[in-house]
Structure formats: structure tokens, C-alpha cells
PDB file of all heavy atoms in Angstrom:
ATOM      1  N   VAL A   1       8.103  -8.282   0.731  1.00  0.00           N
ATOM      2  CA  VAL A   1       8.050  -7.111   1.605  1.00  0.00           C
ATOM      3  C   VAL A   1       8.768  -5.922   0.975  1.00  0.00           C
ATOM      4  O   VAL A   1       8.249  -4.798   0.933  1.00  0.00           O
ATOM      5  CB  VAL A   1       8.654  -7.436   2.979  1.00  0.00           C
ATOM      6  CG1 VAL A   1       8.832  -6.163   3.800  1.00  0.00           C
ATOM      7  CG2 VAL A   1       7.781  -8.436   3.729  1.00  0.00           C
ATOM      8  N   GLU A   2       9.972  -6.147   0.471  1.00  0.00           N
ATOM      9  CA  GLU A   2      10.748  -5.056  -0.116  1.00  0.00           C
ATOM     10  C   GLU A   2      10.111  -4.554  -1.400  1.00  0.00           C
ATOM     11  O   GLU A   2      10.080  -3.340  -1.657  1.00  0.00           O
ATOM     12  CB  GLU A   2      12.183  -5.513  -0.374  1.00  0.00           C
ATOM     13  CG  GLU A   2      13.092  -4.385  -0.845  1.00  0.00           C
ATOM     14  CD  GLU A   2      14.551  -4.805  -0.911  1.00  0.00           C
ATOM     15  OE1 GLU A   2      14.891  -5.858  -0.351  1.00  0.00           O
ATOM     16  OE2 GLU A   2      15.345  -4.062  -1.513  1.00  0.00           O
ATOM     17  N   VAL A   3       9.586  -5.471  -2.222  1.00  0.00           N
ATOM     18  CA  VAL A   3       8.933  -5.077  -3.470  1.00  0.00           C
ATOM     19  C   VAL A   3       7.729  -4.184  -3.181  1.00  0.00           C
ATOM     20  O   VAL A   3       7.552  -3.119  -3.796  1.00  0.00           O
ATOM     21  CB  VAL A   3       8.497  -6.325  -4.262  1.00  0.00           C
ATOM     22  CG1 VAL A   3       7.560  -5.936  -5.417  1.00  0.00           C
ATOM     23  CG2 VAL A   3       9.719  -7.047  -4.810  1.00  0.00           C
ATOM     24  N   LEU A   4       6.901  -4.595  -2.237  1.00  0.00           N
ATOM     25  CA  LEU A   4       5.726  -3.800  -1.880  1.00  0.00           C
ATOM     26  C   LEU A   4       6.141  -2.461  -1.284  1.00  0.00           C
ATOM     27  O   LEU A   4       5.501  -1.427  -1.541  1.00  0.00           O
ATOM     28  CB  LEU A   4       4.849  -4.574  -0.903  1.00  0.00           C
ATOM     29  CG  LEU A   4       4.132  -5.796  -1.472  1.00  0.00           C
ATOM     30  CD1 LEU A   4       3.537  -6.638  -0.356  1.00  0.00           C
ATOM     31  CD2 LEU A   4       3.038  -5.369  -2.441  1.00  0.00           C
ATOM     32  N   GLY A   5       7.202  -2.474  -0.491  1.00  0.00           N
ATOM     33  CA  GLY A   5       7.688  -1.233   0.094  1.00  0.00           C
ATOM     34  C   GLY A   5       8.154  -0.243  -0.966  1.00  0.00           C
ATOM     35  O   GLY A   5       7.884   0.967  -0.862  1.00  0.00           O
ATOM     36  N   GLU A   6       8.836  -0.734  -1.984  1.00  0.00           N
ATOM     37  CA  GLU A   6       9.307   0.140  -3.057  1.00  0.00           C
ATOM     38  C   GLU A   6       8.139   0.680  -3.875  1.00  0.00           C
ATOM     39  O   GLU A   6       8.144   1.848  -4.282  1.00  0.00           O
ATOM     40  CB  GLU A   6      10.286  -0.622  -3.954  1.00  0.00           C
ATOM     41  CG  GLU A   6      11.624  -0.933  -3.279  1.00  0.00           C
ATOM     42  CD  GLU A   6      12.546  -1.733  -4.168  1.00  0.00           C
ATOM     43  OE1 GLU A   6      12.152  -2.039  -5.314  1.00  0.00           O
ATOM     44  OE2 GLU A   6      13.672  -2.061  -3.724  1.00  0.00           O
ATOM     45  N   LEU A   7       7.132  -0.154  -4.119  1.00  0.00           N
ATOM     46  CA  LEU A   7       5.955   0.310  -4.849  1.00  0.00           C
ATOM     47  C   LEU A   7       5.218   1.392  -4.064  1.00  0.00           C
ATOM     48  O   LEU A   7       4.724   2.372  -4.633  1.00  0.00           O
ATOM     49  CB  LEU A   7       5.020  -0.867  -5.146  1.00  0.00           C
ATOM     50  CG  LEU A   7       5.505  -1.870  -6.185  1.00  0.00           C
ATOM     51  CD1 LEU A   7       4.566  -3.078  -6.249  1.00  0.00           C
ATOM     52  CD2 LEU A   7       5.603  -1.207  -7.563  1.00  0.00           C
ATOM     53  N   GLN A   8       5.170   1.234  -2.737  1.00  0.00           N
ATOM     54  CA  GLN A   8       4.537   2.249  -1.905  1.00  0.00           C
ATOM     55  C   GLN A   8       5.362   3.535  -1.904  1.00  0.00           C
ATOM     56  O   GLN A   8       4.809   4.643  -1.998  1.00  0.00           O
ATOM     57  CB  GLN A   8       4.374   1.732  -0.481  1.00  0.00           C
ATOM     58  CG  GLN A   8       3.675   2.724   0.456  1.00  0.00           C
ATOM     59  CD  GLN A   8       3.627   2.236   1.893  1.00  0.00           C
ATOM     60  OE1 GLN A   8       4.393   1.341   2.272  1.00  0.00           O
ATOM     61  NE2 GLN A   8       2.731   2.796   2.683  1.00  0.00           N
ATOM     62  N   ALA A   9       6.669   3.394  -1.810  1.00  0.00           N
ATOM     63  CA  ALA A   9       7.551   4.567  -1.748  1.00  0.00           C
ATOM     64  C   ALA A   9       7.472   5.398  -3.027  1.00  0.00           C
ATOM     65  O   ALA A   9       7.591   6.630  -2.979  1.00  0.00           O
ATOM     66  CB  ALA A   9       8.989   4.128  -1.485  1.00  0.00           C
ATOM     67  N   THR A  10       7.279   4.747  -4.158  1.00  0.00           N
ATOM     68  CA  THR A  10       7.199   5.466  -5.435  1.00  0.00           C
ATOM     69  C   THR A  10       5.795   5.960  -5.744  1.00  0.00           C
ATOM     70  O   THR A  10       5.582   6.609  -6.768  1.00  0.00           O
ATOM     71  CB  THR A  10       7.671   4.571  -6.586  1.00  0.00           C
ATOM     72  OG1 THR A  10       6.867   3.373  -6.639  1.00  0.00           O
ATOM     73  CG2 THR A  10       9.137   4.180  -6.406  1.00  0.00           C
ATOM     74  N   GLY A  11       4.831   5.636  -4.874  1.00  0.00           N
ATOM     75  CA  GLY A  11       3.459   6.102  -5.099  1.00  0.00           C
ATOM     76  C   GLY A  11       2.643   5.234  -6.024  1.00  0.00           C
ATOM     77  O   GLY A  11       1.549   5.626  -6.439  1.00  0.00           O
ATOM     78  N   ALA A  12       3.137   4.032  -6.345  1.00  0.00           N
ATOM     79  CA  ALA A  12       2.398   3.141  -7.240  1.00  0.00           C
ATOM     80  C   ALA A  12       1.229   2.472  -6.518  1.00  0.00           C
ATOM     81  O   ALA A  12       0.218   2.133  -7.143  1.00  0.00           O
ATOM     82  CB  ALA A  12       3.325   2.083  -7.826  1.00  0.00           C
ATOM     83  N   ILE A  13       1.390   2.254  -5.214  1.00  0.00           N
ATOM     84  CA  ILE A  13       0.309   1.702  -4.399  1.00  0.00           C
ATOM     85  C   ILE A  13       0.184   2.529  -3.134  1.00  0.00           C
ATOM     86  O   ILE A  13       1.134   3.192  -2.717  1.00  0.00           O
ATOM     87  CB  ILE A  13       0.537   0.213  -4.032  1.00  0.00           C
ATOM     88  CG1 ILE A  13       1.795   0.042  -3.170  1.00  0.00           C
ATOM     89  CG2 ILE A  13       0.614  -0.656  -5.285  1.00  0.00           C
ATOM     90  CD1 ILE A  13       2.005  -1.375  -2.646  1.00  0.00           C
ATOM     91  N   GLU A  14      -1.002   2.487  -2.543  1.00  0.00           N
ATOM     92  CA  GLU A  14      -1.237   3.177  -1.284  1.00  0.00           C
ATOM     93  C   GLU A  14      -1.963   2.239  -0.334  1.00  0.00           C
ATOM     94  O   GLU A  14      -2.821   1.452  -0.761  1.00  0.00           O
ATOM     95  CB  GLU A  14      -2.071   4.443  -1.494  1.00  0.00           C
ATOM     96  CG  GLU A  14      -1.342   5.546  -2.246  1.00  0.00           C
ATOM     97  CD  GLU A  14      -2.202   6.789  -2.407  1.00  0.00           C
ATOM     98  OE1 GLU A  14      -3.414   6.735  -2.082  1.00  0.00           O
ATOM     99  OE2 GLU A  14      -1.666   7.814  -2.879  1.00  0.00           O
ATOM    100  N   TYR A  15      -1.620   2.347   0.952  1.00  0.00           N
ATOM    101  CA  TYR A  15      -2.270   1.546   1.976  1.00  0.00           C
ATOM    102  C   TYR A  15      -3.237   2.407   2.778  1.00  0.00           C
ATOM    103  O   TYR A  15      -3.034   3.614   2.955  1.00  0.00           O
ATOM    104  CB  TYR A  15      -1.237   0.952   2.943  1.00  0.00           C
ATOM    105  CG  TYR A  15      -0.369  -0.135   2.367  1.00  0.00           C
ATOM    106  CD1 TYR A  15       0.976   0.095   2.063  1.00  0.00           C
ATOM    107  CD2 TYR A  15      -0.891  -1.404   2.131  1.00  0.00           C
ATOM    108  CE1 TYR A  15       1.774  -0.913   1.548  1.00  0.00           C
ATOM    109  CE2 TYR A  15      -0.096  -2.416   1.617  1.00  0.00           C
ATOM    110  CZ  TYR A  15       1.236  -2.158   1.326  1.00  0.00           C
ATOM    111  OH  TYR A  15       2.011  -3.160   0.811  1.00  0.00           O
ATOM    112  N   SER A  16      -4.288   1.773   3.271  1.00  0.00           N
ATOM    113  CA  SER A  16      -5.203   2.425   4.217  1.00  0.00           C
ATOM    114  C   SER A  16      -5.712   1.362   5.175  1.00  0.00           C
ATOM    115  O   SER A  16      -5.704   0.168   4.861  1.00  0.00           O
ATOM    116  CB  SER A  16      -6.373   3.092   3.482  1.00  0.00           C
ATOM    117  OG  SER A  16      -7.108   2.153   2.714  1.00  0.00           O
ATOM    118  N   LEU A  17      -6.141   1.801   6.344  1.00  0.00           N
ATOM    119  CA  LEU A  17      -6.635   0.890   7.369  1.00  0.00           C
ATOM    120  C   LEU A  17      -8.106   1.201   7.619  1.00  0.00           C
ATOM    121  O   LEU A  17      -8.461   2.308   8.012  1.00  0.00           O
ATOM    122  CB  LEU A  17      -5.834   1.055   8.665  1.00  0.00           C
ATOM    123  CG  LEU A  17      -6.103   0.026   9.768  1.00  0.00           C
ATOM    124  CD1 LEU A  17      -5.694  -1.371   9.306  1.00  0.00           C
ATOM    125  CD2 LEU A  17      -5.344   0.403  11.037  1.00  0.00           C
ATOM    126  N   VAL A  18      -8.977   0.226   7.342  1.00  0.00           N
ATOM    127  CA  VAL A  18     -10.417   0.379   7.531  1.00  0.00           C
ATOM    128  C   VAL A  18     -10.913  -0.774   8.390  1.00  0.00           C
ATOM    129  O   VAL A  18     -10.784  -1.936   8.014  1.00  0.00           O
ATOM    130  CB  VAL A  18     -11.164   0.391   6.182  1.00  0.00           C
ATOM    131  CG1 VAL A  18     -12.675   0.508   6.399  1.00  0.00           C
ATOM    132  CG2 VAL A  18     -10.666   1.533   5.304  1.00  0.00           C
ATOM    133  N   ASN A  19     -11.458  -0.421   9.558  1.00  0.00           N
ATOM    134  CA  ASN A  19     -11.962  -1.442  10.482  1.00  0.00           C
ATOM    135  C   ASN A  19     -10.916  -2.520  10.753  1.00  0.00           C
ATOM    136  O   ASN A  19     -11.202  -3.712  10.729  1.00  0.00           O
ATOM    137  CB  ASN A  19     -13.244  -2.084   9.935  1.00  0.00           C
ATOM    138  CG  ASN A  19     -14.391  -1.098   9.864  1.00  0.00           C
ATOM    139  OD1 ASN A  19     -14.445  -0.127  10.628  1.00  0.00           O
ATOM    140  ND2 ASN A  19     -15.308  -1.323   8.937  1.00  0.00           N
ATOM    141  N   ARG A  20      -9.686  -2.066  10.975  1.00  0.00           N
ATOM    142  CA  ARG A  20      -8.553  -2.946  11.297  1.00  0.00           C
ATOM    143  C   ARG A  20      -8.137  -3.857  10.146  1.00  0.00           C
ATOM    144  O   ARG A  20      -7.383  -4.810  10.343  1.00  0.00           O
ATOM    145  CB  ARG A  20      -8.848  -3.794  12.536  1.00  0.00           C
ATOM    146  CG  ARG A  20      -9.125  -2.977  13.798  1.00  0.00           C
ATOM    147  CD  ARG A  20      -9.344  -3.875  15.003  1.00  0.00           C
ATOM    148  NE  ARG A  20      -9.611  -3.087  16.209  1.00  0.00           N
ATOM    149  CZ  ARG A  20      -9.840  -3.607  17.399  1.00  0.00           C
ATOM    150  NH1 ARG A  20      -9.830  -4.934  17.546  1.00  0.00           N
ATOM    151  NH2 ARG A  20     -10.086  -2.838  18.435  1.00  0.00           N
ATOM    152  N   VAL A  21      -8.628  -3.573   8.960  1.00  0.00           N
ATOM    153  CA  VAL A  21      -8.246  -4.345   7.773  1.00  0.00           C
ATOM    154  C   VAL A  21      -7.373  -3.465   6.888  1.00  0.00           C
ATOM    155  O   VAL A  21      -7.755  -2.331   6.567  1.00  0.00           O
ATOM    156  CB  VAL A  21      -9.482  -4.812   6.985  1.00  0.00           C
ATOM    157  CG1 VAL A  21      -9.066  -5.533   5.696  1.00  0.00           C
ATOM    158  CG2 VAL A  21     -10.344  -5.722   7.850  1.00  0.00           C
ATOM    159  N   THR A  22      -6.205  -3.954   6.509  1.00  0.00           N
ATOM    160  CA  THR A  22      -5.305  -3.202   5.641  1.00  0.00           C
ATOM    161  C   THR A  22      -5.735  -3.377   4.192  1.00  0.00           C
ATOM    162  O   THR A  22      -5.846  -4.495   3.691  1.00  0.00           O
ATOM    163  CB  THR A  22      -3.858  -3.674   5.802  1.00  0.00           C
ATOM    164  OG1 THR A  22      -3.458  -3.501   7.166  1.00  0.00           O
ATOM    165  CG2 THR A  22      -2.920  -2.872   4.907  1.00  0.00           C
ATOM    166  N   LEU A  23      -6.002  -2.246   3.533  1.00  0.00           N
ATOM    167  CA  LEU A  23      -6.417  -2.249   2.141  1.00  0.00           C
ATOM    168  C   LEU A  23      -5.295  -1.680   1.284  1.00  0.00           C
ATOM    169  O   LEU A  23      -4.549  -0.798   1.707  1.00  0.00           O
ATOM    170  CB  LEU A  23      -7.687  -1.420   1.949  1.00  0.00           C
ATOM    171  CG  LEU A  23      -8.907  -1.837   2.776  1.00  0.00           C
ATOM    172  CD1 LEU A  23     -10.074  -0.892   2.514  1.00  0.00           C
ATOM    173  CD2 LEU A  23      -9.313  -3.274   2.457  1.00  0.00           C
ATOM    174  N   VAL A  24      -5.184  -2.184   0.056  1.00  0.00           N
ATOM    175  CA  VAL A  24      -4.177  -1.723  -0.891  1.00  0.00           C
ATOM    176  C   VAL A  24      -4.896  -1.142  -2.103  1.00  0.00           C
ATOM    177  O   VAL A  24      -5.842  -1.724  -2.619  1.00  0.00           O
ATOM    178  CB  VAL A  24      -3.250  -2.868  -1.352  1.00  0.00           C
ATOM    179  CG1 VAL A  24      -2.052  -2.312  -2.112  1.00  0.00           C
ATOM    180  CG2 VAL A  24      -2.799  -3.713  -0.183  1.00  0.00           C
ATOM    181  N   GLU A  25      -4.419   0.011  -2.559  1.00  0.00           N
ATOM    182  CA  GLU A  25      -5.028   0.675  -3.710  1.00  0.00           C
ATOM    183  C   GLU A  25      -3.993   0.887  -4.805  1.00  0.00           C
ATOM    184  O   GLU A  25      -2.867   1.310  -4.537  1.00  0.00           O
ATOM    185  CB  GLU A  25      -5.626   2.018  -3.299  1.00  0.00           C
ATOM    186  CG  GLU A  25      -6.280   2.777  -4.437  1.00  0.00           C
ATOM    187  CD  GLU A  25      -6.872   4.094  -3.984  1.00  0.00           C
ATOM    188  OE1 GLU A  25      -6.608   4.511  -2.842  1.00  0.00           O
ATOM    189  OE2 GLU A  25      -7.599   4.716  -4.773  1.00  0.00           O
ATOM    190  N   LEU A  26      -4.365   0.578  -6.029  1.00  0.00           N
ATOM    191  CA  LEU A  26      -3.515   0.866  -7.181  1.00  0.00           C
ATOM    192  C   LEU A  26      -3.765   2.309  -7.598  1.00  0.00           C
ATOM    193  O   LEU A  26      -4.883   2.671  -7.955  1.00  0.00           O
ATOM    194  CB  LEU A  26      -3.846  -0.093  -8.323  1.00  0.00           C
ATOM    195  CG  LEU A  26      -3.076   0.112  -9.632  1.00  0.00           C
ATOM    196  CD1 LEU A  26      -1.589  -0.163  -9.418  1.00  0.00           C
ATOM    197  CD2 LEU A  26      -3.631  -0.799 -10.728  1.00  0.00           C
ATOM    198  N   THR A  27      -2.745   3.139  -7.551  1.00  0.00           N
ATOM    199  CA  THR A  27      -2.894   4.548  -7.863  1.00  0.00           C
ATOM    200  C   THR A  27      -2.769   4.793  -9.372  1.00  0.00           C
ATOM    201  O   THR A  27      -2.437   3.890 -10.145  1.00  0.00           O
ATOM    202  CB  THR A  27      -1.829   5.374  -7.139  1.00  0.00           C
ATOM    203  OG1 THR A  27      -0.530   5.005  -7.668  1.00  0.00           O
ATOM    204  CG2 THR A  27      -1.851   5.102  -5.640  1.00  0.00           C
TER     205      THR A  27
END
């Protein structure tokens, strides 16, 4: 959880919600 949170905070990954499914994108 913390690792993913840090990656999101630094802009390395981005989350989006499509049809109630959480998607992860490598930026």
C-alpha cells in the first residue's frame, strides 16, 4: 500500500476508475 502510494505521489503511476474498475497506468 505504501509503495504504491509513493509511486502515485511522485507521478510514476496514475489511477483511474472505469465502470467501477480501478485501472493503473505507468506514466
